[in-house]
């Protein structure tokens, strides 16, 4: 009887011990799970700095490309609309041949025919200037000085009419004098629209002993800006 009672007590303590061990194991396991949860929560709350940096780099690159593109467009538009200043120089022709040919873009006169803007022959008692057959011009007179005229007119251009001896320039650049002592200049200013649809402003400054001088402002880009003067 005593043996049975002792065995019952021992068994009871063993069971209690086992239950106690299980509880301790459960308690030991729970903190690990809580820590895992906290770590997981922290990971979820930390922003992905690498992703943000990547996005920022992409945004910055796209912004730079947009800025460059805009600037390029502006520059292209400016280059398309910008007009260059007319080039102004003196042209000298030594009129000792039957004909001379003036080329504005070269700022030169030649004694052989080529692509020319004006040709010079002796007419009405001295040298006279005539237009290329495909060119037109206007005699603006001398009310305004050469430098004061800055824009080519949009209309009023005439061709030379040899049949009626009506010329845009002809001998109208001089008013008297002679080739020996020098012709008196009328100071008329002429606007020439060349065969290539370019504009030139012309004034004749000397005709003496075969030396003919003129000041020319030539606009190579086709615009009507003929501002400037020969220095």
C-alpha atoms as a PDB file:
ATOM      1  CA  UNK A   1       0.000   0.000   0.000  1.00  0.00           C
ATOM      2  CA  UNK A   2       2.800   2.410   0.834  1.00  0.00           C
ATOM      3  CA  UNK A   3       4.608   1.488  -2.326  1.00  0.00           C
ATOM      4  CA  UNK A   4       1.598   2.333  -4.453  1.00  0.00           C
ATOM      5  CA  UNK A   5       1.218   5.635  -2.667  1.00  0.00           C
ATOM      6  CA  UNK A   6       4.873   6.515  -3.231  1.00  0.00           C
ATOM      7  CA  UNK A   7       4.661   5.579  -6.899  1.00  0.00           C
ATOM      8  CA  UNK A   8       1.599   7.777  -7.274  1.00  0.00           C
ATOM      9  CA  UNK A   9       3.426  10.706  -5.762  1.00  0.00           C
ATOM     10  CA  UNK A  10       6.487  10.167  -7.957  1.00  0.00           C
ATOM     11  CA  UNK A  11       4.312   9.936 -11.077  1.00  0.00           C
ATOM     12  CA  UNK A  12       2.485  13.090 -10.085  1.00  0.00           C
ATOM     13  CA  UNK A  13       5.768  15.021  -9.722  1.00  0.00           C
ATOM     14  CA  UNK A  14       7.032  13.692 -13.040  1.00  0.00           C
ATOM     15  CA  UNK A  15       3.887  14.878 -14.764  1.00  0.00           C
ATOM     16  CA  UNK A  16       4.184  18.289 -13.123  1.00  0.00           C
ATOM     17  CA  UNK A  17       7.809  18.478 -14.195  1.00  0.00           C
ATOM     18  CA  UNK A  18       6.905  17.644 -17.769  1.00  0.00           C
ATOM     19  CA  UNK A  19       4.176  20.274 -17.820  1.00  0.00           C
ATOM     20  CA  UNK A  20       6.588  22.818 -16.388  1.00  0.00           C
ATOM     21  CA  UNK A  21       9.190  22.060 -19.100  1.00  0.00           C
ATOM     22  CA  UNK A  22       6.612  22.463 -21.847  1.00  0.00           C
ATOM     23  CA  UNK A  23       5.588  25.858 -20.489  1.00  0.00           C
ATOM     24  CA  UNK A  24       9.180  27.018 -20.382  1.00  0.00           C
ATOM     25  CA  UNK A  25       9.714  25.896 -23.956  1.00  0.00           C
ATOM     26  CA  UNK A  26       6.616  27.818 -25.059  1.00  0.00           C
ATOM     27  CA  UNK A  27       7.800  30.926 -23.267  1.00  0.00           C
ATOM     28  CA  UNK A  28      11.250  30.623 -24.834  1.00  0.00           C
ATOM     29  CA  UNK A  29       9.749  30.225 -28.317  1.00  0.00           C
ATOM     30  CA  UNK A  30       7.327  33.168 -28.083  1.00  0.00           C
ATOM     31  CA  UNK A  31      10.006  35.936 -27.742  1.00  0.00           C
ATOM     32  CA  UNK A  32      11.714  34.652 -30.862  1.00  0.00           C
ATOM     33  CA  UNK A  33       8.497  34.941 -32.818  1.00  0.00           C
ATOM     34  CA  UNK A  34       7.852  38.419 -31.419  1.00  0.00           C
ATOM     35  CA  UNK A  35      11.342  39.512 -32.381  1.00  0.00           C
ATOM     36  CA  UNK A  36      10.847  38.166 -35.866  1.00  0.00           C
ATOM     37  CA  UNK A  37       7.607  40.116 -36.140  1.00  0.00           C
ATOM     38  CA  UNK A  38       9.256  43.306 -34.934  1.00  0.00           C
ATOM     39  CA  UNK A  39      12.160  42.890 -37.376  1.00  0.00           C
ATOM     40  CA  UNK A  40       9.727  42.242 -40.190  1.00  0.00           C
ATOM     41  CA  UNK A  41       7.759  45.343 -39.242  1.00  0.00           C
ATOM     42  CA  UNK A  42      10.946  47.450 -39.140  1.00  0.00           C
ATOM     43  CA  UNK A  43      12.016  46.187 -42.552  1.00  0.00           C
ATOM     44  CA  UNK A  44       8.635  47.091 -43.946  1.00  0.00           C
ATOM     45  CA  UNK A  45       8.786  50.626 -42.486  1.00  0.00           C
ATOM     46  CA  UNK A  46      12.322  51.428 -43.776  1.00  0.00           C
ATOM     47  CA  UNK A  47      12.139  53.113 -47.206  1.00  0.00           C
ATOM     48  CA  UNK A  48      14.031  51.558 -50.102  1.00  0.00           C
ATOM     49  CA  UNK A  49      16.759  54.169 -50.441  1.00  0.00           C
ATOM     50  CA  UNK A  50      18.325  52.372 -53.414  1.00  0.00           C
ATOM     51  CA  UNK A  51      15.051  52.500 -55.295  1.00  0.00           C
ATOM     52  CA  UNK A  52      14.636  56.175 -54.460  1.00  0.00           C
ATOM     53  CA  UNK A  53      18.165  56.926 -55.638  1.00  0.00           C
ATOM     54  CA  UNK A  54      17.505  55.073 -58.875  1.00  0.00           C
ATOM     55  CA  UNK A  55      14.282  56.969 -59.422  1.00  0.00           C
ATOM     56  CA  UNK A  56      15.965  60.278 -58.629  1.00  0.00           C
ATOM     57  CA  UNK A  57      18.753  59.535 -61.087  1.00  0.00           C
ATOM     58  CA  UNK A  58      16.216  58.708 -63.786  1.00  0.00           C
ATOM     59  CA  UNK A  59      14.227  61.847 -63.045  1.00  0.00           C
ATOM     60  CA  UNK A  60      17.378  63.961 -63.134  1.00  0.00           C
ATOM     61  CA  UNK A  61      18.458  62.418 -66.440  1.00  0.00           C
ATOM     62  CA  UNK A  62      15.047  62.993 -67.969  1.00  0.00           C
ATOM     63  CA  UNK A  63      15.043  66.605 -66.753  1.00  0.00           C
ATOM     64  CA  UNK A  64      18.490  67.249 -68.190  1.00  0.00           C
ATOM     65  CA  UNK A  65      17.464  65.758 -71.518  1.00  0.00           C
ATOM     66  CA  UNK A  66      14.329  67.890 -71.577  1.00  0.00           C
ATOM     67  CA  UNK A  67      16.312  71.027 -70.784  1.00  0.00           C
ATOM     68  CA  UNK A  68      18.847  70.307 -73.510  1.00  0.00           C
ATOM     69  CA  UNK A  69      16.110  69.565 -75.992  1.00  0.00           C
ATOM     70  CA  UNK A  70      14.327  72.832 -75.190  1.00  0.00           C
ATOM     71  CA  UNK A  71      17.536  74.824 -75.538  1.00  0.00           C
ATOM     72  CA  UNK A  72      18.338  73.145 -78.831  1.00  0.00           C
ATOM     73  CA  UNK A  73      14.882  73.955 -80.153  1.00  0.00           C
ATOM     74  CA  UNK A  74      15.246  77.583 -79.083  1.00  0.00           C
ATOM     75  CA  UNK A  75      18.666  77.813 -80.693  1.00  0.00           C
ATOM     76  CA  UNK A  76      17.386  76.203 -83.881  1.00  0.00           C
ATOM     77  CA  UNK A  77      14.480  78.622 -84.016  1.00  0.00           C
ATOM     78  CA  UNK A  78      16.813  81.538 -83.437  1.00  0.00           C
ATOM     79  CA  UNK A  79      19.181  80.392 -86.183  1.00  0.00           C
ATOM     80  CA  UNK A  80      16.263  79.987 -88.594  1.00  0.00           C
ATOM     81  CA  UNK A  81      14.870  83.468 -87.961  1.00  0.00           C
ATOM     82  CA  UNK A  82      18.040  85.429 -87.353  1.00  0.00           C
ATOM     83  CA  UNK A  83      19.049  87.788 -90.196  1.00  0.00           C
ATOM     84  CA  UNK A  84      22.700  88.485 -90.859  1.00  0.00           C
ATOM     85  CA  UNK A  85      23.960  92.020 -91.328  1.00  0.00           C
ATOM     86  CA  UNK A  86      24.590  93.178 -94.887  1.00  0.00           C
ATOM     87  CA  UNK A  87      28.223  93.308 -95.995  1.00  0.00           C
ATOM     88  CA  UNK A  88      29.342  96.765 -97.142  1.00  0.00           C
ATOM     89  CA  UNK A  89      32.413  97.361 -99.294  1.00  0.00           C
ATOM     90  CA  UNK A  90      33.766  99.542-102.063  1.00  0.00           C
ATOM     91  CA  UNK A  91      34.005  98.191-105.608  1.00  0.00           C
ATOM     92  CA  UNK A  92      36.502  99.734-108.025  1.00  0.00           C
ATOM     93  CA  UNK A  93      36.414  99.192-111.777  1.00  0.00           C
ATOM     94  CA  UNK A  94      39.209 100.357-114.080  1.00  0.00           C
ATOM     95  CA  UNK A  95      37.088 101.115-117.108  1.00  0.00           C
ATOM     96  CA  UNK A  96      39.519 100.675-119.971  1.00  0.00           C
ATOM     97  CA  UNK A  97      37.750  97.884-121.834  1.00  0.00           C
ATOM     98  CA  UNK A  98      34.607  97.933-123.948  1.00  0.00           C
ATOM     99  CA  UNK A  99      32.574  96.361-121.143  1.00  0.00           C
ATOM    100  CA  UNK A 100      32.965  95.641-117.440  1.00  0.00           C
ATOM    101  CA  UNK A 101      30.889  93.331-115.246  1.00  0.00           C
ATOM    102  CA  UNK A 102      30.163  93.983-111.578  1.00  0.00           C
ATOM    103  CA  UNK A 103      29.517  91.066-109.214  1.00  0.00           C
ATOM    104  CA  UNK A 104      28.129  92.159-105.853  1.00  0.00           C
ATOM    105  CA  UNK A 105      28.848  88.959-103.926  1.00  0.00           C
ATOM    106  CA  UNK A 106      32.508  89.151-105.005  1.00  0.00           C
ATOM    107  CA  UNK A 107      32.692  92.929-104.487  1.00  0.00           C
ATOM    108  CA  UNK A 108      34.617  93.039-107.737  1.00  0.00           C
ATOM    109  CA  UNK A 109      34.430  94.104-111.382  1.00  0.00           C
ATOM    110  CA  UNK A 110      35.674  91.931-114.260  1.00  0.00           C
ATOM    111  CA  UNK A 111      36.471  92.580-117.904  1.00  0.00           C
ATOM    112  CA  UNK A 112      35.033  89.220-118.946  1.00  0.00           C
ATOM    113  CA  UNK A 113      31.368  88.270-118.834  1.00  0.00           C
ATOM    114  CA  UNK A 114      30.127  85.734-116.284  1.00  0.00           C
ATOM    115  CA  UNK A 115      27.413  85.747-113.642  1.00  0.00           C
ATOM    116  CA  UNK A 116      27.115  89.488-113.151  1.00  0.00           C
ATOM    117  CA  UNK A 117      24.741  91.973-111.517  1.00  0.00           C
ATOM    118  CA  UNK A 118      25.653  95.150-113.429  1.00  0.00           C
ATOM    119  CA  UNK A 119      27.539  95.728-116.643  1.00  0.00           C
ATOM    120  CA  UNK A 120      29.277  98.940-117.639  1.00  0.00           C
ATOM    121  CA  UNK A 121      29.507 100.359-121.155  1.00  0.00           C
ATOM    122  CA  UNK A 122      30.065 103.814-122.609  1.00  0.00           C
ATOM    123  CA  UNK A 123      26.723 105.565-123.025  1.00  0.00           C
ATOM    124  CA  UNK A 124      25.493 109.159-123.007  1.00  0.00           C
ATOM    125  CA  UNK A 125      28.950 110.676-123.029  1.00  0.00           C
ATOM    126  CA  UNK A 126      30.548 108.468-120.399  1.00  0.00           C
ATOM    127  CA  UNK A 127      30.356 105.212-118.458  1.00  0.00           C
ATOM    128  CA  UNK A 128      26.842 103.937-117.713  1.00  0.00           C
ATOM    129  CA  UNK A 129      25.510 101.022-115.652  1.00  0.00           C
ATOM    130  CA  UNK A 130      22.926  98.472-116.752  1.00  0.00           C
ATOM    131  CA  UNK A 131      21.180  95.614-114.937  1.00  0.00           C
ATOM    132  CA  UNK A 132      21.422  91.907-115.560  1.00  0.00           C
ATOM    133  CA  UNK A 133      18.441  90.953-117.730  1.00  0.00           C
ATOM    134  CA  UNK A 134      16.938  89.009-114.780  1.00  0.00           C
ATOM    135  CA  UNK A 135      17.568  91.725-112.196  1.00  0.00           C
ATOM    136  CA  UNK A 136      15.375  94.656-111.192  1.00  0.00           C
ATOM    137  CA  UNK A 137      15.995  97.853-109.290  1.00  0.00           C
ATOM    138  CA  UNK A 138      14.742 101.151-107.877  1.00  0.00           C
ATOM    139  CA  UNK A 139      16.276 104.615-108.052  1.00  0.00           C
ATOM    140  CA  UNK A 140      15.532 106.112-104.605  1.00  0.00           C
ATOM    141  CA  UNK A 141      17.065 109.462-105.475  1.00  0.00           C
ATOM    142  CA  UNK A 142      19.228 111.428-103.040  1.00  0.00           C
ATOM    143  CA  UNK A 143      16.746 112.649-100.424  1.00  0.00           C
ATOM    144  CA  UNK A 144      18.127 110.090 -97.965  1.00  0.00           C
ATOM    145  CA  UNK A 145      21.781 109.340 -97.502  1.00  0.00           C
ATOM    146  CA  UNK A 146      23.254 105.929 -98.213  1.00  0.00           C
ATOM    147  CA  UNK A 147      23.501 105.020 -94.515  1.00  0.00           C
ATOM    148  CA  UNK A 148      19.943 106.163 -93.747  1.00  0.00           C
ATOM    149  CA  UNK A 149      18.439 103.528 -96.033  1.00  0.00           C
ATOM    150  CA  UNK A 150      18.306 100.311 -94.028  1.00  0.00           C
ATOM    151  CA  UNK A 151      15.520  98.248 -95.614  1.00  0.00           C
ATOM    152  CA  UNK A 152      14.931  97.276 -99.215  1.00  0.00           C
ATOM    153  CA  UNK A 153      11.454  98.224-100.457  1.00  0.00           C
ATOM    154  CA  UNK A 154       8.950  95.425-101.021  1.00  0.00           C
ATOM    155  CA  UNK A 155       7.673  96.789-104.341  1.00  0.00           C
ATOM    156  CA  UNK A 156       8.373  99.261-107.122  1.00  0.00           C
ATOM    157  CA  UNK A 157      11.206  97.390-108.832  1.00  0.00           C
ATOM    158  CA  UNK A 158      11.749  97.915-112.568  1.00  0.00           C
ATOM    159  CA  UNK A 159      13.768  96.197-115.260  1.00  0.00           C
ATOM    160  CA  UNK A 160      15.910  98.045-117.785  1.00  0.00           C
ATOM    161  CA  UNK A 161      13.955  98.854-120.947  1.00  0.00           C
ATOM    162  CA  UNK A 162      16.494  99.211-123.723  1.00  0.00           C
ATOM    163  CA  UNK A 163      13.802  99.640-126.369  1.00  0.00           C
ATOM    164  CA  UNK A 164      12.638 102.849-124.738  1.00  0.00           C
ATOM    165  CA  UNK A 165      16.072 103.777-123.349  1.00  0.00           C
ATOM    166  CA  UNK A 166      14.666 103.657-119.828  1.00  0.00           C
ATOM    167  CA  UNK A 167      17.211 102.412-117.334  1.00  0.00           C
ATOM    168  CA  UNK A 168      17.206 102.032-113.555  1.00  0.00           C
ATOM    169  CA  UNK A 169      20.750 103.443-113.372  1.00  0.00           C
ATOM    170  CA  UNK A 170      22.130 104.221-116.818  1.00  0.00           C
ATOM    171  CA  UNK A 171      23.853 107.586-116.564  1.00  0.00           C
ATOM    172  CA  UNK A 172      21.599 108.933-113.784  1.00  0.00           C
ATOM    173  CA  UNK A 173      24.389 108.446-111.231  1.00  0.00           C
ATOM    174  CA  UNK A 174      26.171 111.543-112.698  1.00  0.00           C
ATOM    175  CA  UNK A 175      24.939 115.078-113.364  1.00  0.00           C
ATOM    176  CA  UNK A 176      27.769 116.705-115.286  1.00  0.00           C
ATOM    177  CA  UNK A 177      31.498 116.945-115.678  1.00  0.00           C
ATOM    178  CA  UNK A 178      33.734 114.858-117.858  1.00  0.00           C
ATOM    179  CA  UNK A 179      35.776 111.734-117.764  1.00  0.00           C
ATOM    180  CA  UNK A 180      39.005 113.719-117.759  1.00  0.00           C
ATOM    181  CA  UNK A 181      38.245 116.057-114.869  1.00  0.00           C
ATOM    182  CA  UNK A 182      35.784 113.724-113.210  1.00  0.00           C
ATOM    183  CA  UNK A 183      32.019 113.441-113.394  1.00  0.00           C
ATOM    184  CA  UNK A 184      29.847 115.063-110.749  1.00  0.00           C
ATOM    185  CA  UNK A 185      27.984 112.433-108.743  1.00  0.00           C
ATOM    186  CA  UNK A 186      24.210 112.744-108.267  1.00  0.00           C
ATOM    187  CA  UNK A 187      24.396 110.839-104.936  1.00  0.00           C
ATOM    188  CA  UNK A 188      21.364 108.800-105.943  1.00  0.00           C
ATOM    189  CA  UNK A 189      20.938 105.563-103.992  1.00  0.00           C
ATOM    190  CA  UNK A 190      19.856 102.475-105.928  1.00  0.00           C
ATOM    191  CA  UNK A 191      18.355  99.252-104.589  1.00  0.00           C
ATOM    192  CA  UNK A 192      19.043  96.249-106.787  1.00  0.00           C
ATOM    193  CA  UNK A 193      17.224  92.915-106.553  1.00  0.00           C
ATOM    194  CA  UNK A 194      19.624  90.533-108.241  1.00  0.00           C
ATOM    195  CA  UNK A 195      18.854  87.589-110.490  1.00  0.00           C
ATOM    196  CA  UNK A 196      19.426  85.413-107.403  1.00  0.00           C
ATOM    197  CA  UNK A 197      16.786  87.350-105.397  1.00  0.00           C
ATOM    198  CA  UNK A 198      19.388  89.016-103.171  1.00  0.00           C
ATOM    199  CA  UNK A 199      19.305  92.704-102.290  1.00  0.00           C
ATOM    200  CA  UNK A 200      22.028  95.299-102.675  1.00  0.00           C
ATOM    201  CA  UNK A 201      22.210  99.020-101.904  1.00  0.00           C
ATOM    202  CA  UNK A 202      24.441 100.979-104.295  1.00  0.00           C
ATOM    203  CA  UNK A 203      25.806 104.525-104.515  1.00  0.00           C
ATOM    204  CA  UNK A 204      28.387 105.729-107.040  1.00  0.00           C
ATOM    205  CA  UNK A 205      31.185 107.856-105.621  1.00  0.00           C
ATOM    206  CA  UNK A 206      33.630 108.458-108.477  1.00  0.00           C
ATOM    207  CA  UNK A 207      33.995 108.333-112.234  1.00  0.00           C
ATOM    208  CA  UNK A 208      37.258 109.910-113.341  1.00  0.00           C
ATOM    209  CA  UNK A 209      39.949 108.969-115.856  1.00  0.00           C
ATOM    210  CA  UNK A 210      38.504 105.498-116.235  1.00  0.00           C
ATOM    211  CA  UNK A 211      38.408 104.769-112.494  1.00  0.00           C
ATOM    212  CA  UNK A 212      34.882 104.032-111.353  1.00  0.00           C
ATOM    213  CA  UNK A 213      34.020 103.620-107.673  1.00  0.00           C
ATOM    214  CA  UNK A 214      30.849 102.569-105.931  1.00  0.00           C
ATOM    215  CA  UNK A 215      29.825 101.639-102.392  1.00  0.00           C
ATOM    216  CA  UNK A 216      27.722  98.507-102.072  1.00  0.00           C
ATOM    217  CA  UNK A 217      25.899  96.878 -99.143  1.00  0.00           C
ATOM    218  CA  UNK A 218      25.034  93.340-100.208  1.00  0.00           C
ATOM    219  CA  UNK A 219      22.659  91.090 -98.279  1.00  0.00           C
ATOM    220  CA  UNK A 220      23.617  87.474 -98.963  1.00  0.00           C
ATOM    221  CA  UNK A 221      20.841  85.781 -96.972  1.00  0.00           C
ATOM    222  CA  UNK A 222      17.983  87.070 -99.150  1.00  0.00           C
ATOM    223  CA  UNK A 223      16.478  89.297 -96.443  1.00  0.00           C
ATOM    224  CA  UNK A 224      15.700  92.974 -97.003  1.00  0.00           C
ATOM    225  CA  UNK A 225      18.130  94.207 -94.336  1.00  0.00           C
ATOM    226  CA  UNK A 226      20.573  96.443 -96.220  1.00  0.00           C
ATOM    227  CA  UNK A 227      21.654  98.573 -93.285  1.00  0.00           C
ATOM    228  CA  UNK A 228      25.223  99.740 -93.010  1.00  0.00           C
ATOM    229  CA  UNK A 229      27.803 101.880 -94.782  1.00  0.00           C
ATOM    230  CA  UNK A 230      31.297 101.563 -96.157  1.00  0.00           C
ATOM    231  CA  UNK A 231      33.852 102.666 -93.588  1.00  0.00           C
END
